[in-house]
Amino acid sequence: MFLYELGVAEPYRRRGIGRALIWRLGALGRELGCYGMWVLVDTGNDVALAAYRSAGGKDEGSCSVVTWDF
């Protein structure tokens, strides 16, 4: 399962909302037969990385992003 984007408004951060959403999405993925979940994160996005890690995610550090500018 690909987690495309997750956001929690600033006043509601650090309350476990993001972690709960990630856990629920993971549960839904398991129910649907997905073998795992992944998300791309900018290496400097410490807030997102902390949220994903607190929900049990691990940084694989094994991805290259290829882009095209037009």
PDB file of N, CA and C in Angstrom:
ATOM      1  N   MET A   1       0.844  -1.160   0.000  1.00  0.00           N
ATOM      2  CA  MET A   1       0.000   0.000   0.000  1.00  0.00           C
ATOM      3  C   MET A   1       0.897   1.233   0.000  1.00  0.00           C
ATOM      4  N   PHE A   2       0.539   2.218  -0.799  1.00  0.00           N
ATOM      5  CA  PHE A   2       1.296   3.458  -0.898  1.00  0.00           C
ATOM      6  C   PHE A   2       0.552   4.552  -0.146  1.00  0.00           C
ATOM      7  N   LEU A   3       1.186   5.112   0.864  1.00  0.00           N
ATOM      8  CA  LEU A   3       0.636   6.253   1.592  1.00  0.00           C
ATOM      9  C   LEU A   3       1.096   7.492   0.833  1.00  0.00           C
ATOM     10  N   TYR A   4       0.192   8.135   0.134  1.00  0.00           N
ATOM     11  CA  TYR A   4       0.572   9.245  -0.738  1.00  0.00           C
ATOM     12  C   TYR A   4       0.872  10.515   0.045  1.00  0.00           C
ATOM     13  N   GLU A   5      -0.004  10.878   0.956  1.00  0.00           N
ATOM     14  CA  GLU A   5       0.197  12.118   1.706  1.00  0.00           C
ATOM     15  C   GLU A   5      -0.616  12.068   2.992  1.00  0.00           C
ATOM     16  N   LEU A   6      -0.023  12.568   4.051  1.00  0.00           N
ATOM     17  CA  LEU A   6      -0.711  12.640   5.341  1.00  0.00           C
ATOM     18  C   LEU A   6      -0.373  13.977   5.961  1.00  0.00           C
ATOM     19  N   GLY A   7      -1.373  14.662   6.437  1.00  0.00           N
ATOM     20  CA  GLY A   7      -1.127  15.943   7.093  1.00  0.00           C
ATOM     21  C   GLY A   7      -2.021  16.113   8.302  1.00  0.00           C
ATOM     22  N   VAL A   8      -1.470  16.710   9.328  1.00  0.00           N
ATOM     23  CA  VAL A   8      -2.241  17.065  10.520  1.00  0.00           C
ATOM     24  C   VAL A   8      -2.006  18.557  10.737  1.00  0.00           C
ATOM     25  N   ALA A   9      -3.073  19.321  10.865  1.00  0.00           N
ATOM     26  CA  ALA A   9      -2.958  20.770  11.050  1.00  0.00           C
ATOM     27  C   ALA A   9      -2.132  21.082  12.297  1.00  0.00           C
ATOM     28  N   GLU A  10      -1.355  22.134  12.204  1.00  0.00           N
ATOM     29  CA  GLU A  10      -0.421  22.519  13.269  1.00  0.00           C
ATOM     30  C   GLU A  10      -1.024  22.494  14.677  1.00  0.00           C
ATOM     31  N   PRO A  11      -2.212  23.066  14.903  1.00  0.00           N
ATOM     32  CA  PRO A  11      -2.730  23.077  16.281  1.00  0.00           C
ATOM     33  C   PRO A  11      -3.052  21.686  16.846  1.00  0.00           C
ATOM     34  N   TYR A  12      -3.135  20.687  15.980  1.00  0.00           N
ATOM     35  CA  TYR A  12      -3.521  19.342  16.418  1.00  0.00           C
ATOM     36  C   TYR A  12      -2.364  18.352  16.437  1.00  0.00           C
ATOM     37  N   ARG A  13      -1.172  18.822  16.125  1.00  0.00           N
ATOM     38  CA  ARG A  13      -0.006  17.933  16.112  1.00  0.00           C
ATOM     39  C   ARG A  13       0.405  17.555  17.528  1.00  0.00           C
ATOM     40  N   ARG A  14       1.186  16.480  17.608  1.00  0.00           N
ATOM     41  CA  ARG A  14       1.726  15.960  18.871  1.00  0.00           C
ATOM     42  C   ARG A  14       0.624  15.481  19.818  1.00  0.00           C
ATOM     43  N   ARG A  15      -0.466  15.002  19.224  1.00  0.00           N
ATOM     44  CA  ARG A  15      -1.576  14.429  20.001  1.00  0.00           C
ATOM     45  C   ARG A  15      -1.832  12.974  19.621  1.00  0.00           C
ATOM     46  N   GLY A  16      -1.008  12.434  18.737  1.00  0.00           N
ATOM     47  CA  GLY A  16      -1.172  11.045  18.315  1.00  0.00           C
ATOM     48  C   GLY A  16      -2.135  10.858  17.159  1.00  0.00           C
ATOM     49  N   ILE A  17      -2.613  11.955  16.583  1.00  0.00           N
ATOM     50  CA  ILE A  17      -3.584  11.856  15.492  1.00  0.00           C
ATOM     51  C   ILE A  17      -2.947  11.234  14.251  1.00  0.00           C
ATOM     52  N   GLY A  18      -1.778  11.714  13.872  1.00  0.00           N
ATOM     53  CA  GLY A  18      -1.092  11.154  12.703  1.00  0.00           C
ATOM     54  C   GLY A  18      -0.789   9.681  12.880  1.00  0.00           C
ATOM     55  N   ARG A  19      -0.285   9.327  14.063  1.00  0.00           N
ATOM     56  CA  ARG A  19       0.025   7.923  14.349  1.00  0.00           C
ATOM     57  C   ARG A  19      -1.237   7.069  14.252  1.00  0.00           C
ATOM     58  N   ALA A  20      -2.345   7.548  14.803  1.00  0.00           N
ATOM     59  CA  ALA A  20      -3.602   6.794  14.748  1.00  0.00           C
ATOM     60  C   ALA A  20      -4.069   6.610  13.304  1.00  0.00           C
ATOM     61  N   LEU A  21      -3.930   7.647  12.496  1.00  0.00           N
ATOM     62  CA  LEU A  21      -4.317   7.535  11.089  1.00  0.00           C
ATOM     63  C   LEU A  21      -3.447   6.517  10.356  1.00  0.00           C
ATOM     64  N   ILE A  22      -2.153   6.539  10.634  1.00  0.00           N
ATOM     65  CA  ILE A  22      -1.235   5.583  10.004  1.00  0.00           C
ATOM     66  C   ILE A  22      -1.582   4.163  10.439  1.00  0.00           C
ATOM     67  N   TRP A  23      -1.833   3.974  11.731  1.00  0.00           N
ATOM     68  CA  TRP A  23      -2.196   2.637  12.220  1.00  0.00           C
ATOM     69  C   TRP A  23      -3.483   2.147  11.566  1.00  0.00           C
ATOM     70  N   ARG A  24      -4.469   3.042  11.426  1.00  0.00           N
ATOM     71  CA  ARG A  24      -5.739   2.634  10.816  1.00  0.00           C
ATOM     72  C   ARG A  24      -5.541   2.290   9.345  1.00  0.00           C
ATOM     73  N   LEU A  25      -4.736   3.080   8.652  1.00  0.00           N
ATOM     74  CA  LEU A  25      -4.455   2.784   7.250  1.00  0.00           C
ATOM     75  C   LEU A  25      -3.737   1.445   7.121  1.00  0.00           C
ATOM     76  N   GLY A  26      -2.806   1.173   8.031  1.00  0.00           N
ATOM     77  CA  GLY A  26      -2.120  -0.120   8.028  1.00  0.00           C
ATOM     78  C   GLY A  26      -3.080  -1.270   8.269  1.00  0.00           C
ATOM     79  N   ALA A  27      -4.017  -1.077   9.195  1.00  0.00           N
ATOM     80  CA  ALA A  27      -5.015  -2.117   9.466  1.00  0.00           C
ATOM     81  C   ALA A  27      -5.880  -2.364   8.233  1.00  0.00           C
ATOM     82  N   LEU A  28      -6.266  -1.291   7.565  1.00  0.00           N
ATOM     83  CA  LEU A  28      -7.056  -1.431   6.344  1.00  0.00           C
ATOM     84  C   LEU A  28      -6.260  -2.172   5.272  1.00  0.00           C
ATOM     85  N   GLY A  29      -4.986  -1.843   5.143  1.00  0.00           N
ATOM     86  CA  GLY A  29      -4.138  -2.537   4.181  1.00  0.00           C
ATOM     87  C   GLY A  29      -4.063  -4.028   4.452  1.00  0.00           C
ATOM     88  N   ARG A  30      -3.896  -4.390   5.733  1.00  0.00           N
ATOM     89  CA  ARG A  30      -3.857  -5.821   6.084  1.00  0.00           C
ATOM     90  C   ARG A  30      -5.182  -6.494   5.746  1.00  0.00           C
ATOM     91  N   GLU A  31      -6.299  -5.816   6.046  1.00  0.00           N
ATOM     92  CA  GLU A  31      -7.621  -6.372   5.727  1.00  0.00           C
ATOM     93  C   GLU A  31      -7.770  -6.617   4.225  1.00  0.00           C
ATOM     94  N   LEU A  32      -7.167  -5.753   3.430  1.00  0.00           N
ATOM     95  CA  LEU A  32      -7.266  -5.865   1.973  1.00  0.00           C
ATOM     96  C   LEU A  32      -6.220  -6.797   1.366  1.00  0.00           C
ATOM     97  N   GLY A  33      -5.343  -7.340   2.209  1.00  0.00           N
ATOM     98  CA  GLY A  33      -4.348  -8.286   1.730  1.00  0.00           C
ATOM     99  C   GLY A  33      -3.039  -7.667   1.264  1.00  0.00           C
ATOM    100  N   CYS A  34      -2.812  -6.404   1.587  1.00  0.00           N
ATOM    101  CA  CYS A  34      -1.541  -5.768   1.219  1.00  0.00           C
ATOM    102  C   CYS A  34      -0.407  -6.390   2.028  1.00  0.00           C
ATOM    103  N   TYR A  35       0.773  -6.462   1.443  1.00  0.00           N
ATOM    104  CA  TYR A  35       1.919  -7.076   2.122  1.00  0.00           C
ATOM    105  C   TYR A  35       2.759  -6.066   2.879  1.00  0.00           C
ATOM    106  N   GLY A  36       2.486  -4.786   2.712  1.00  0.00           N
ATOM    107  CA  GLY A  36       3.239  -3.747   3.407  1.00  0.00           C
ATOM    108  C   GLY A  36       2.740  -2.377   2.996  1.00  0.00           C
ATOM    109  N   MET A  37       3.370  -1.362   3.555  1.00  0.00           N
ATOM    110  CA  MET A  37       2.990   0.013   3.246  1.00  0.00           C
ATOM    111  C   MET A  37       4.265   0.834   3.128  1.00  0.00           C
ATOM    112  N   TRP A  38       4.279   1.807   2.221  1.00  0.00           N
ATOM    113  CA  TRP A  38       5.449   2.653   2.075  1.00  0.00           C
ATOM    114  C   TRP A  38       5.030   4.073   1.733  1.00  0.00           C
ATOM    115  N   VAL A  39       5.924   4.999   2.034  1.00  0.00           N
ATOM    116  CA  VAL A  39       5.700   6.416   1.768  1.00  0.00           C
ATOM    117  C   VAL A  39       7.050   7.053   1.430  1.00  0.00           C
ATOM    118  N   LEU A  40       7.055   7.984   0.510  1.00  0.00           N
ATOM    119  CA  LEU A  40       8.256   8.757   0.211  1.00  0.00           C
ATOM    120  C   LEU A  40       8.247  10.009   1.078  1.00  0.00           C
ATOM    121  N   VAL A  41       9.386  10.322   1.684  1.00  0.00           N
ATOM    122  CA  VAL A  41       9.493  11.479   2.574  1.00  0.00           C
ATOM    123  C   VAL A  41      10.779  12.226   2.248  1.00  0.00           C
ATOM    124  N   ASP A  42      10.697  13.545   2.174  1.00  0.00           N
ATOM    125  CA  ASP A  42      11.916  14.345   2.028  1.00  0.00           C
ATOM    126  C   ASP A  42      12.793  14.111   3.246  1.00  0.00           C
ATOM    127  N   THR A  43      14.077  13.927   3.030  1.00  0.00           N
ATOM    128  CA  THR A  43      14.982  13.621   4.142  1.00  0.00           C
ATOM    129  C   THR A  43      15.021  14.726   5.193  1.00  0.00           C
ATOM    130  N   GLY A  44      14.680  15.947   4.835  1.00  0.00           N
ATOM    131  CA  GLY A  44      14.677  17.045   5.792  1.00  0.00           C
ATOM    132  C   GLY A  44      13.350  17.263   6.491  1.00  0.00           C
ATOM    133  N   ASN A  45      12.358  16.430   6.197  1.00  0.00           N
ATOM    134  CA  ASN A  45      11.037  16.592   6.803  1.00  0.00           C
ATOM    135  C   ASN A  45      10.996  15.836   8.131  1.00  0.00           C
ATOM    136  N   ASP A  46      11.608  16.441   9.145  1.00  0.00           N
ATOM    137  CA  ASP A  46      11.740  15.781  10.443  1.00  0.00           C
ATOM    138  C   ASP A  46      10.404  15.503  11.111  1.00  0.00           C
ATOM    139  N   VAL A  47       9.420  16.377  10.910  1.00  0.00           N
ATOM    140  CA  VAL A  47       8.099  16.179  11.518  1.00  0.00           C
ATOM    141  C   VAL A  47       7.450  14.913  10.960  1.00  0.00           C
ATOM    142  N   ALA A  48       7.462  14.778   9.632  1.00  0.00           N
ATOM    143  CA  ALA A  48       6.867  13.591   9.012  1.00  0.00           C
ATOM    144  C   ALA A  48       7.630  12.333   9.399  1.00  0.00           C
ATOM    145  N   LEU A  49       8.959  12.396   9.352  1.00  0.00           N
ATOM    146  CA  LEU A  49       9.758  11.226   9.718  1.00  0.00           C
ATOM    147  C   LEU A  49       9.471  10.791  11.147  1.00  0.00           C
ATOM    148  N   ALA A  50       9.344  11.743  12.063  1.00  0.00           N
ATOM    149  CA  ALA A  50       9.043  11.406  13.459  1.00  0.00           C
ATOM    150  C   ALA A  50       7.682  10.739  13.573  1.00  0.00           C
ATOM    151  N   ALA A  51       6.699  11.245  12.842  1.00  0.00           N
ATOM    152  CA  ALA A  51       5.356  10.653  12.886  1.00  0.00           C
ATOM    153  C   ALA A  51       5.376   9.226  12.355  1.00  0.00           C
ATOM    154  N   TYR A  52       6.033   9.016  11.227  1.00  0.00           N
ATOM    155  CA  TYR A  52       6.075   7.677  10.643  1.00  0.00           C
ATOM    156  C   TYR A  52       6.843   6.706  11.533  1.00  0.00           C
ATOM    157  N   ARG A  53       7.934   7.162  12.105  1.00  0.00           N
ATOM    158  CA  ARG A  53       8.706   6.296  13.008  1.00  0.00           C
ATOM    159  C   ARG A  53       7.914   5.967  14.265  1.00  0.00           C
ATOM    160  N   SER A  54       7.174   6.939  14.802  1.00  0.00           N
ATOM    161  CA  SER A  54       6.396   6.686  16.017  1.00  0.00           C
ATOM    162  C   SER A  54       5.273   5.688  15.769  1.00  0.00           C
ATOM    163  N   ALA A  55       4.883   5.536  14.496  1.00  0.00           N
ATOM    164  CA  ALA A  55       3.845   4.573  14.136  1.00  0.00           C
ATOM    165  C   ALA A  55       4.443   3.228  13.748  1.00  0.00           C
ATOM    166  N   GLY A  56       5.755   3.066  13.942  1.00  0.00           N
ATOM    167  CA  GLY A  56       6.391   1.783  13.686  1.00  0.00           C
ATOM    168  C   GLY A  56       7.095   1.667  12.352  1.00  0.00           C
ATOM    169  N   GLY A  57       7.099   2.733  11.565  1.00  0.00           N
ATOM    170  CA  GLY A  57       7.778   2.701  10.276  1.00  0.00           C
ATOM    171  C   GLY A  57       9.288   2.752  10.448  1.00  0.00           C
ATOM    172  N   LYS A  58       9.987   2.215   9.471  1.00  0.00           N
ATOM    173  CA  LYS A  58      11.448   2.265   9.525  1.00  0.00           C
ATOM    174  C   LYS A  58      11.975   2.885   8.241  1.00  0.00           C
ATOM    175  N   ASP A  59      13.007   3.681   8.386  1.00  0.00           N
ATOM    176  CA  ASP A  59      13.618   4.368   7.255  1.00  0.00           C
ATOM    177  C   ASP A  59      14.554   3.399   6.547  1.00  0.00           C
ATOM    178  N   GLU A  60      14.166   2.996   5.349  1.00  0.00           N
ATOM    179  CA  GLU A  60      14.975   2.054   4.579  1.00  0.00           C
ATOM    180  C   GLU A  60      16.171   2.741   3.934  1.00  0.00           C
ATOM    181  N   GLY A  61      16.067   4.036   3.688  1.00  0.00           N
ATOM    182  CA  GLY A  61      17.167   4.761   3.076  1.00  0.00           C
ATOM    183  C   GLY A  61      17.613   4.186   1.745  1.00  0.00           C
ATOM    184  N   SER A  62      16.694   3.543   1.042  1.00  0.00           N
ATOM    185  CA  SER A  62      17.091   2.809  -0.161  1.00  0.00           C
ATOM    186  C   SER A  62      16.353   3.267  -1.410  1.00  0.00           C
ATOM    187  N   CYS A  63      15.992   4.526  -1.460  1.00  0.00           N
ATOM    188  CA  CYS A  63      15.178   4.972  -2.580  1.00  0.00           C
ATOM    189  C   CYS A  63      15.807   6.180  -3.255  1.00  0.00           C
ATOM    190  N   SER A  64      15.759   6.190  -4.549  1.00  0.00           N
ATOM    191  CA  SER A  64      16.141   7.364  -5.319  1.00  0.00           C
ATOM    192  C   SER A  64      14.887   7.916  -5.974  1.00  0.00           C
ATOM    193  N   VAL A  65      14.754   9.204  -5.966  1.00  0.00           N
ATOM    194  CA  VAL A  65      13.618   9.843  -6.617  1.00  0.00           C
ATOM    195  C   VAL A  65      14.119  10.458  -7.916  1.00  0.00           C
ATOM    196  N   VAL A  66      13.491  10.089  -8.998  1.00  0.00           N
ATOM    197  CA  VAL A  66      13.857  10.604 -10.309  1.00  0.00           C
ATOM    198  C   VAL A  66      12.770  11.583 -10.730  1.00  0.00           C
ATOM    199  N   THR A  67      13.162  12.803 -11.114  1.00  0.00           N
ATOM    200  CA  THR A  67      12.176  13.825 -11.473  1.00  0.00           C
ATOM    201  C   THR A  67      12.496  14.441 -12.824  1.00  0.00           C
ATOM    202  N   TRP A  68      11.500  15.045 -13.407  1.00  0.00           N
ATOM    203  CA  TRP A  68      11.640  15.801 -14.635  1.00  0.00           C
ATOM    204  C   TRP A  68      11.023  17.170 -14.405  1.00  0.00           C
ATOM    205  N   ASP A  69      11.730  18.231 -14.760  1.00  0.00           N
ATOM    206  CA  ASP A  69      11.192  19.586 -14.715  1.00  0.00           C
ATOM    207  C   ASP A  69      10.834  20.011 -16.131  1.00  0.00           C
ATOM    208  N   PHE A  70       9.683  20.590 -16.294  1.00  0.00           N
ATOM    209  CA  PHE A  70       9.238  21.071 -17.609  1.00  0.00           C
ATOM    210  C   PHE A  70       9.032  22.564 -17.570  1.00  0.00           C
TER     211      PHE A  70
END
